Amino acid sequence: MNVRELLTKDRLLFVLIFSILALVAYNINFSPMLGTENQNFTLFQFFGPIVGAFLGPLFGALTILLAEGMNVFIVGNDLNLINLIRLTPMIFAAFYFGSAGKKNLVALVPIVCMALFMLHPIGAQVWYYSLYWVIPIIGKVMKNNLLFRSLGATFTAHALGSVIFLYTIPTTVTLWQTLIPIVLFERLMFAMGISASYLIANNILLLIKNRLPEKVVKLSENYNFIRGVFTSRN
C-alpha cells in the first residue's frame, strides 16, 4: 500500500475528528496527580488509548500526537526536549491498544522502562515498583481480553510516565513506596474507563457503520451489544 492509499481524505478527516475529541477529553480534569503541583489526570486517560483501536495503531498514535500538539499550542508550553518527551506515554498507549493481537516492538517498551527505572539510584532502591510493567506483557498474551488490553495500554503509559518523572523530577524512595497501592487503584480505574469508553464508542459507531468510509474506522462486532438488544427484542 502506497502513501496515497494510506493518506486518503476520509482517513485524514477522521484523524482530525478523533484528535479534536481527544483534545476535548484532554482538558476535562478527572483527578489530581500525586507528587506534582497543578497537574491532573483527565478524561484523556480514558479516551486516548481507544483511538488506536478505531484508526489502527499507527494513525491512532499520530492522532494522539496531533491532539497533544494542539494542546501544547493552546496552552503555550515551551517546545523543549522534556516537554516533547512527556507527550510519549499516551502515544504508546494508543499504539498498544490499537495493536492487540499483533506482534510488534511496543511490547518492549515496558521492559526498557523497567531497566531504566532500576538503573536509576532512587529507582534501584524501590525496584519492585517497576514490576507493575509486567502487566502490558501479559496483556499481549491475553489479546482477546478487553480488560487486559486496557490494563496493558494504561500501564504502558504509566511505565513511560514514571520513568520520565523519575529522571526529570527529584523524588524519594518514600514517594515511590507511597505510590504503589495508589497506582494499583488508579490504573484499575483507568483500565475500566478505557474499556467502557471503547465499548460505548464502538457501539455508537456501529449504529452508523454504513455511513462510515471503508477501511478507515475499524469496528468490532464482538462487542456489538446494541445488536444483541435489538435481537432479543425481536
C-alpha atoms as a PDB file:
ATOM      1  CA  MET A   1       0.000   0.000   0.000  1.00  0.00           C
ATOM      2  CA  ASN A   2       1.441   3.360  -1.054  1.00  0.00           C
ATOM      3  CA  VAL A   3       1.262   6.670   0.751  1.00  0.00           C
ATOM      4  CA  ARG A   4      -1.685   7.958  -1.315  1.00  0.00           C
ATOM      5  CA  GLU A   5      -3.747   4.919  -0.391  1.00  0.00           C
ATOM      6  CA  LEU A   6      -2.962   5.485   3.288  1.00  0.00           C
ATOM      7  CA  LEU A   7      -3.410   9.266   3.427  1.00  0.00           C
ATOM      8  CA  THR A   8      -6.897   9.473   1.963  1.00  0.00           C
ATOM      9  CA  LYS A   9      -9.197  12.435   2.586  1.00  0.00           C
ATOM     10  CA  ASP A  10     -11.534  10.241   4.641  1.00  0.00           C
ATOM     11  CA  ARG A  11      -8.727   8.951   6.854  1.00  0.00           C
ATOM     12  CA  LEU A  12      -7.293  12.427   7.413  1.00  0.00           C
ATOM     13  CA  LEU A  13     -10.788  13.692   8.247  1.00  0.00           C
ATOM     14  CA  PHE A  14     -11.252  11.041  10.922  1.00  0.00           C
ATOM     15  CA  VAL A  15      -7.768  11.674  12.278  1.00  0.00           C
ATOM     16  CA  LEU A  16      -8.817  15.309  12.694  1.00  0.00           C
ATOM     17  CA  ILE A  17     -12.181  14.384  14.254  1.00  0.00           C
ATOM     18  CA  PHE A  18     -10.636  11.986  16.777  1.00  0.00           C
ATOM     19  CA  SER A  19      -7.837  14.436  17.568  1.00  0.00           C
ATOM     20  CA  ILE A  20     -10.395  17.145  18.395  1.00  0.00           C
ATOM     21  CA  LEU A  21     -12.331  14.712  20.613  1.00  0.00           C
ATOM     22  CA  ALA A  22      -9.073  13.750  22.310  1.00  0.00           C
ATOM     23  CA  LEU A  23      -8.222  17.417  22.807  1.00  0.00           C
ATOM     24  CA  VAL A  24     -11.578  17.998  24.497  1.00  0.00           C
ATOM     25  CA  ALA A  25     -11.004  14.973  26.766  1.00  0.00           C
ATOM     26  CA  TYR A  26      -7.507  16.296  27.485  1.00  0.00           C
ATOM     27  CA  ASN A  27      -8.990  19.380  29.133  1.00  0.00           C
ATOM     28  CA  ILE A  28     -11.576  17.707  31.371  1.00  0.00           C
ATOM     29  CA  ASN A  29      -9.926  17.000  34.712  1.00  0.00           C
ATOM     30  CA  PHE A  30     -10.551  13.666  36.396  1.00  0.00           C
ATOM     31  CA  SER A  31      -8.260  13.522  39.453  1.00  0.00           C
ATOM     32  CA  PRO A  32      -5.116  15.257  40.782  1.00  0.00           C
ATOM     33  CA  MET A  33      -1.715  13.711  40.057  1.00  0.00           C
ATOM     34  CA  LEU A  34       0.058  12.844  43.287  1.00  0.00           C
ATOM     35  CA  GLY A  35       3.576  14.222  43.705  1.00  0.00           C
ATOM     36  CA  THR A  36       3.135  17.210  41.384  1.00  0.00           C
ATOM     37  CA  GLU A  37       1.590  20.642  41.709  1.00  0.00           C
ATOM     38  CA  ASN A  38      -1.243  21.804  39.447  1.00  0.00           C
ATOM     39  CA  GLN A  39      -1.144  18.547  37.467  1.00  0.00           C
ATOM     40  CA  ASN A  40      -4.243  16.428  36.896  1.00  0.00           C
ATOM     41  CA  PHE A  41      -5.282  13.231  35.213  1.00  0.00           C
ATOM     42  CA  THR A  42      -8.009  13.925  32.663  1.00  0.00           C
ATOM     43  CA  LEU A  43     -10.575  12.020  30.615  1.00  0.00           C
ATOM     44  CA  PHE A  44      -7.789  11.789  28.047  1.00  0.00           C
ATOM     45  CA  GLN A  45      -6.540   8.778  30.041  1.00  0.00           C
ATOM     46  CA  PHE A  46      -9.806   7.007  29.162  1.00  0.00           C
ATOM     47  CA  PHE A  47     -10.224   8.174  25.586  1.00  0.00           C
ATOM     48  CA  GLY A  48      -6.648   8.397  24.284  1.00  0.00           C
ATOM     49  CA  PRO A  49      -5.804   4.677  24.042  1.00  0.00           C
ATOM     50  CA  ILE A  50      -9.018   3.650  22.256  1.00  0.00           C
ATOM     51  CA  VAL A  51      -8.235   5.864  19.263  1.00  0.00           C
ATOM     52  CA  GLY A  52      -5.652   3.262  18.260  1.00  0.00           C
ATOM     53  CA  ALA A  53      -8.363   0.611  18.027  1.00  0.00           C
ATOM     54  CA  PHE A  54     -10.532   2.630  15.645  1.00  0.00           C
ATOM     55  CA  LEU A  55      -7.856   4.162  13.422  1.00  0.00           C
ATOM     56  CA  GLY A  56      -5.178   1.468  13.754  1.00  0.00           C
ATOM     57  CA  PRO A  57      -2.011   1.679  15.859  1.00  0.00           C
ATOM     58  CA  LEU A  58      -0.081   3.989  13.532  1.00  0.00           C
ATOM     59  CA  PHE A  59      -2.810   6.524  12.810  1.00  0.00           C
ATOM     60  CA  GLY A  60      -4.067   6.234  16.375  1.00  0.00           C
ATOM     61  CA  ALA A  61      -0.637   7.234  17.654  1.00  0.00           C
ATOM     62  CA  LEU A  62      -0.417  10.070  15.117  1.00  0.00           C
ATOM     63  CA  THR A  63      -3.876  11.285  16.157  1.00  0.00           C
ATOM     64  CA  ILE A  64      -2.843  11.432  19.812  1.00  0.00           C
ATOM     65  CA  LEU A  65       0.349  13.250  18.835  1.00  0.00           C
ATOM     66  CA  LEU A  66      -1.745  15.781  16.907  1.00  0.00           C
ATOM     67  CA  ALA A  67      -4.122  16.269  19.857  1.00  0.00           C
ATOM     68  CA  GLU A  68      -1.249  16.749  22.287  1.00  0.00           C
ATOM     69  CA  GLY A  69       0.473  19.101  19.857  1.00  0.00           C
ATOM     70  CA  MET A  70      -2.673  21.226  19.587  1.00  0.00           C
ATOM     71  CA  ASN A  71      -2.924  21.301  23.377  1.00  0.00           C
ATOM     72  CA  VAL A  72       0.692  22.480  23.684  1.00  0.00           C
ATOM     73  CA  PHE A  73      -0.050  25.238  21.169  1.00  0.00           C
ATOM     74  CA  ILE A  74      -3.234  26.304  23.011  1.00  0.00           C
ATOM     75  CA  VAL A  75      -1.638  26.222  26.473  1.00  0.00           C
ATOM     76  CA  GLY A  76       1.527  27.854  25.199  1.00  0.00           C
ATOM     77  CA  ASN A  77       4.068  25.442  26.714  1.00  0.00           C
ATOM     78  CA  ASP A  78       7.667  25.643  25.572  1.00  0.00           C
ATOM     79  CA  LEU A  79       8.647  23.095  22.952  1.00  0.00           C
ATOM     80  CA  ASN A  80      11.725  21.886  24.796  1.00  0.00           C
ATOM     81  CA  LEU A  81      13.015  18.312  24.857  1.00  0.00           C
ATOM     82  CA  ILE A  82      11.488  17.465  28.242  1.00  0.00           C
ATOM     83  CA  ASN A  83       8.007  18.635  27.253  1.00  0.00           C
ATOM     84  CA  LEU A  84       8.234  16.749  23.973  1.00  0.00           C
ATOM     85  CA  ILE A  85       9.229  13.548  25.795  1.00  0.00           C
ATOM     86  CA  ARG A  86       6.272  13.965  28.124  1.00  0.00           C
ATOM     87  CA  LEU A  87       3.966  13.595  25.123  1.00  0.00           C
ATOM     88  CA  THR A  88       5.037   9.991  24.536  1.00  0.00           C
ATOM     89  CA  PRO A  89       3.129   7.945  27.188  1.00  0.00           C
ATOM     90  CA  MET A  90      -0.335   8.248  25.640  1.00  0.00           C
ATOM     91  CA  ILE A  91       1.052   7.904  22.122  1.00  0.00           C
ATOM     92  CA  PHE A  92       2.442   4.499  23.013  1.00  0.00           C
ATOM     93  CA  ALA A  93      -0.742   3.616  24.924  1.00  0.00           C
ATOM     94  CA  ALA A  94      -2.795   4.255  21.781  1.00  0.00           C
ATOM     95  CA  PHE A  95      -0.353   2.213  19.712  1.00  0.00           C
ATOM     96  CA  TYR A  96      -0.518  -0.619  22.269  1.00  0.00           C
ATOM     97  CA  PHE A  97      -4.326  -0.671  22.415  1.00  0.00           C
ATOM     98  CA  GLY A  98      -4.600  -0.499  18.640  1.00  0.00           C
ATOM     99  CA  SER A  99      -2.155  -3.331  18.035  1.00  0.00           C
ATOM    100  CA  ALA A 100      -3.978  -6.010  20.044  1.00  0.00           C
ATOM    101  CA  GLY A 101      -3.199  -9.433  18.630  1.00  0.00           C
ATOM    102  CA  LYS A 102      -0.262  -8.124  16.612  1.00  0.00           C
ATOM    103  CA  LYS A 103       3.387  -8.820  17.284  1.00  0.00           C
ATOM    104  CA  ASN A 104       5.379  -5.596  17.393  1.00  0.00           C
ATOM    105  CA  LEU A 105       8.058  -3.815  19.367  1.00  0.00           C
ATOM    106  CA  VAL A 106       5.590  -1.971  21.605  1.00  0.00           C
ATOM    107  CA  ALA A 107       5.850  -4.935  24.000  1.00  0.00           C
ATOM    108  CA  LEU A 108       9.490  -3.976  24.561  1.00  0.00           C
ATOM    109  CA  VAL A 109       8.548  -0.545  25.921  1.00  0.00           C
ATOM    110  CA  PRO A 110       7.713  -1.748  29.470  1.00  0.00           C
ATOM    111  CA  ILE A 111      10.852  -3.920  29.523  1.00  0.00           C
ATOM    112  CA  VAL A 112      13.058  -0.963  28.595  1.00  0.00           C
ATOM    113  CA  CYS A 113      11.257   1.157  31.198  1.00  0.00           C
ATOM    114  CA  MET A 114      11.867  -1.470  33.881  1.00  0.00           C
ATOM    115  CA  ALA A 115      15.574  -1.462  33.065  1.00  0.00           C
ATOM    116  CA  LEU A 116      15.797   2.351  33.102  1.00  0.00           C
ATOM    117  CA  PHE A 117      13.910   2.516  36.383  1.00  0.00           C
ATOM    118  CA  MET A 118      16.191   0.002  38.088  1.00  0.00           C
ATOM    119  CA  LEU A 119      19.323   1.735  36.777  1.00  0.00           C
ATOM    120  CA  HIS A 120      18.384   4.996  38.471  1.00  0.00           C
ATOM    121  CA  PRO A 121      19.824   5.492  42.013  1.00  0.00           C
ATOM    122  CA  ILE A 122      16.363   6.076  43.502  1.00  0.00           C
ATOM    123  CA  GLY A 123      14.605   3.514  41.319  1.00  0.00           C
ATOM    124  CA  ALA A 124      17.144   0.851  42.264  1.00  0.00           C
ATOM    125  CA  GLN A 125      16.041   1.163  45.892  1.00  0.00           C
ATOM    126  CA  VAL A 126      12.411   0.604  45.041  1.00  0.00           C
ATOM    127  CA  TRP A 127      12.877  -1.683  42.029  1.00  0.00           C
ATOM    128  CA  TYR A 128       9.739  -3.678  42.845  1.00  0.00           C
ATOM    129  CA  TYR A 129       7.629  -0.677  41.812  1.00  0.00           C
ATOM    130  CA  SER A 130       8.544  -1.395  38.191  1.00  0.00           C
ATOM    131  CA  LEU A 131       7.059  -4.920  38.384  1.00  0.00           C
ATOM    132  CA  TYR A 132       3.740  -3.305  37.506  1.00  0.00           C
ATOM    133  CA  TRP A 133       5.062  -3.104  33.970  1.00  0.00           C
ATOM    134  CA  VAL A 134       4.944  -6.844  33.533  1.00  0.00           C
ATOM    135  CA  ILE A 135       1.196  -6.300  33.050  1.00  0.00           C
ATOM    136  CA  PRO A 136       1.497  -4.911  29.473  1.00  0.00           C
ATOM    137  CA  ILE A 137       3.470  -8.027  28.542  1.00  0.00           C
ATOM    138  CA  ILE A 138       0.715 -10.237  29.977  1.00  0.00           C
ATOM    139  CA  GLY A 139      -1.785  -8.075  28.124  1.00  0.00           C
ATOM    140  CA  LYS A 140      -0.139  -9.033  24.840  1.00  0.00           C
ATOM    141  CA  VAL A 141      -0.707 -12.695  25.676  1.00  0.00           C
ATOM    142  CA  MET A 142      -4.316 -12.077  26.790  1.00  0.00           C
ATOM    143  CA  LYS A 143      -5.028 -10.374  23.475  1.00  0.00           C
ATOM    144  CA  ASN A 144      -8.746 -11.242  23.351  1.00  0.00           C
ATOM    145  CA  ASN A 145      -9.466  -9.880  26.816  1.00  0.00           C
ATOM    146  CA  LEU A 146     -10.593  -6.246  26.685  1.00  0.00           C
ATOM    147  CA  LEU A 147      -9.763  -5.530  30.326  1.00  0.00           C
ATOM    148  CA  PHE A 148      -6.203  -6.883  29.999  1.00  0.00           C
ATOM    149  CA  ARG A 149      -5.818  -4.962  26.748  1.00  0.00           C
ATOM    150  CA  SER A 150      -6.881  -1.812  28.604  1.00  0.00           C
ATOM    151  CA  LEU A 151      -4.593  -2.604  31.539  1.00  0.00           C
ATOM    152  CA  GLY A 152      -1.719  -3.137  29.115  1.00  0.00           C
ATOM    153  CA  ALA A 153      -2.350   0.233  27.475  1.00  0.00           C
ATOM    154  CA  THR A 154      -2.640   2.216  30.705  1.00  0.00           C
ATOM    155  CA  PHE A 155       0.407   0.528  32.266  1.00  0.00           C
ATOM    156  CA  THR A 156       2.422   1.187  29.108  1.00  0.00           C
ATOM    157  CA  ALA A 157       1.618   4.875  29.567  1.00  0.00           C
ATOM    158  CA  HIS A 158       2.377   4.516  33.278  1.00  0.00           C
ATOM    159  CA  ALA A 159       5.776   2.923  32.608  1.00  0.00           C
ATOM    160  CA  LEU A 160       6.872   5.742  30.311  1.00  0.00           C
ATOM    161  CA  GLY A 161       5.390   8.427  32.525  1.00  0.00           C
ATOM    162  CA  SER A 162       7.064   7.036  35.651  1.00  0.00           C
ATOM    163  CA  VAL A 163      10.494   6.843  34.038  1.00  0.00           C
ATOM    164  CA  ILE A 164      10.168  10.385  32.667  1.00  0.00           C
ATOM    165  CA  PHE A 165       9.044  11.538  36.119  1.00  0.00           C
ATOM    166  CA  LEU A 166      11.950   9.723  37.789  1.00  0.00           C
ATOM    167  CA  TYR A 167      14.605  11.218  35.507  1.00  0.00           C
ATOM    168  CA  THR A 168      13.270  14.769  35.342  1.00  0.00           C
ATOM    169  CA  ILE A 169      11.909  15.496  38.827  1.00  0.00           C
ATOM    170  CA  PRO A 170      13.696  14.915  42.167  1.00  0.00           C
ATOM    171  CA  THR A 171      11.916  12.131  44.052  1.00  0.00           C
ATOM    172  CA  THR A 172      12.414   9.956  47.117  1.00  0.00           C
ATOM    173  CA  VAL A 173      12.115   6.262  47.821  1.00  0.00           C
ATOM    174  CA  THR A 174       9.281   7.046  50.226  1.00  0.00           C
ATOM    175  CA  LEU A 175       7.295   8.739  47.466  1.00  0.00           C
ATOM    176  CA  TRP A 176       7.532   5.685  45.190  1.00  0.00           C
ATOM    177  CA  GLN A 177       6.606   3.352  48.058  1.00  0.00           C
ATOM    178  CA  THR A 178       3.596   5.522  48.830  1.00  0.00           C
ATOM    179  CA  LEU A 179       2.534   5.391  45.186  1.00  0.00           C
ATOM    180  CA  ILE A 180       2.440   1.571  44.950  1.00  0.00           C
ATOM    181  CA  PRO A 181      -1.103   0.990  46.321  1.00  0.00           C
ATOM    182  CA  ILE A 182      -2.359   4.214  44.735  1.00  0.00           C
ATOM    183  CA  VAL A 183      -1.119   3.115  41.308  1.00  0.00           C
ATOM    184  CA  LEU A 184      -2.977  -0.192  41.591  1.00  0.00           C
ATOM    185  CA  PHE A 185      -6.295   1.516  42.307  1.00  0.00           C
ATOM    186  CA  GLU A 186      -5.668   4.295  39.810  1.00  0.00           C
ATOM    187  CA  ARG A 187      -4.738   2.036  36.898  1.00  0.00           C
ATOM    188  CA  LEU A 188      -7.565  -0.410  37.543  1.00  0.00           C
ATOM    189  CA  MET A 189      -9.913   2.566  37.376  1.00  0.00           C
ATOM    190  CA  PHE A 190      -8.261   3.809  34.186  1.00  0.00           C
ATOM    191  CA  ALA A 191      -8.476   0.352  32.613  1.00  0.00           C
ATOM    192  CA  MET A 192     -12.181   0.111  33.388  1.00  0.00           C
ATOM    193  CA  GLY A 193     -12.638   3.612  31.987  1.00  0.00           C
ATOM    194  CA  ILE A 194     -10.770   2.685  28.800  1.00  0.00           C
ATOM    195  CA  SER A 195     -12.834  -0.488  28.395  1.00  0.00           C
ATOM    196  CA  ALA A 196     -16.105   1.373  28.983  1.00  0.00           C
ATOM    197  CA  SER A 197     -15.102   4.171  26.600  1.00  0.00           C
ATOM    198  CA  TYR A 198     -14.229   1.655  23.898  1.00  0.00           C
ATOM    199  CA  LEU A 199     -17.499  -0.254  24.304  1.00  0.00           C
ATOM    200  CA  ILE A 200     -19.591   2.926  24.180  1.00  0.00           C
ATOM    201  CA  ALA A 201     -17.727   4.405  21.200  1.00  0.00           C
ATOM    202  CA  ASN A 202     -17.684   1.091  19.317  1.00  0.00           C
ATOM    203  CA  ASN A 203     -21.439   0.630  19.659  1.00  0.00           C
ATOM    204  CA  ILE A 204     -22.208   4.228  18.714  1.00  0.00           C
ATOM    205  CA  LEU A 205     -20.063   3.908  15.590  1.00  0.00           C
ATOM    206  CA  LEU A 206     -21.657   0.548  14.745  1.00  0.00           C
ATOM    207  CA  LEU A 207     -25.026   2.318  14.568  1.00  0.00           C
ATOM    208  CA  ILE A 208     -23.698   4.467  11.712  1.00  0.00           C
ATOM    209  CA  LYS A 209     -21.404   1.814  10.262  1.00  0.00           C
ATOM    210  CA  ASN A 210     -22.958   2.037   6.791  1.00  0.00           C
ATOM    211  CA  ARG A 211     -22.166   5.754   6.640  1.00  0.00           C
ATOM    212  CA  LEU A 212     -18.513   5.358   7.563  1.00  0.00           C
ATOM    213  CA  PRO A 213     -15.847   5.120   4.834  1.00  0.00           C
ATOM    214  CA  GLU A 214     -14.487   1.640   4.253  1.00  0.00           C
ATOM    215  CA  LYS A 215     -11.112   0.634   5.685  1.00  0.00           C
ATOM    216  CA  VAL A 216     -10.806   3.860   7.715  1.00  0.00           C
ATOM    217  CA  VAL A 217     -12.564   3.197  11.021  1.00  0.00           C
ATOM    218  CA  LYS A 218     -12.112  -0.289  12.472  1.00  0.00           C
ATOM    219  CA  LEU A 219     -15.048  -1.613  14.479  1.00  0.00           C
ATOM    220  CA  SER A 220     -15.588  -4.854  16.390  1.00  0.00           C
ATOM    221  CA  GLU A 221     -18.771  -6.906  16.053  1.00  0.00           C
ATOM    222  CA  ASN A 222     -17.605  -8.928  19.070  1.00  0.00           C
ATOM    223  CA  TYR A 223     -18.679  -6.010  21.261  1.00  0.00           C
ATOM    224  CA  ASN A 224     -21.902  -5.180  19.430  1.00  0.00           C
ATOM    225  CA  PHE A 225     -24.222  -5.047  22.437  1.00  0.00           C
ATOM    226  CA  ILE A 226     -26.805  -2.911  20.657  1.00  0.00           C
ATOM    227  CA  ARG A 227     -27.355  -5.683  18.110  1.00  0.00           C
ATOM    228  CA  GLY A 228     -27.884  -8.109  20.972  1.00  0.00           C
ATOM    229  CA  VAL A 229     -30.550  -5.844  22.496  1.00  0.00           C
ATOM    230  CA  PHE A 230     -32.402  -5.488  19.189  1.00  0.00           C
ATOM    231  CA  THR A 231     -32.149  -9.231  18.526  1.00  0.00           C
ATOM    232  CA  SER A 232     -33.578 -10.121  21.943  1.00  0.00           C
ATOM    233  CA  ARG A 233     -36.495  -7.712  21.395  1.00  0.00           C
ATOM    234  CA  ASN A 234     -37.325  -9.248  18.054  1.00  0.00           C
END
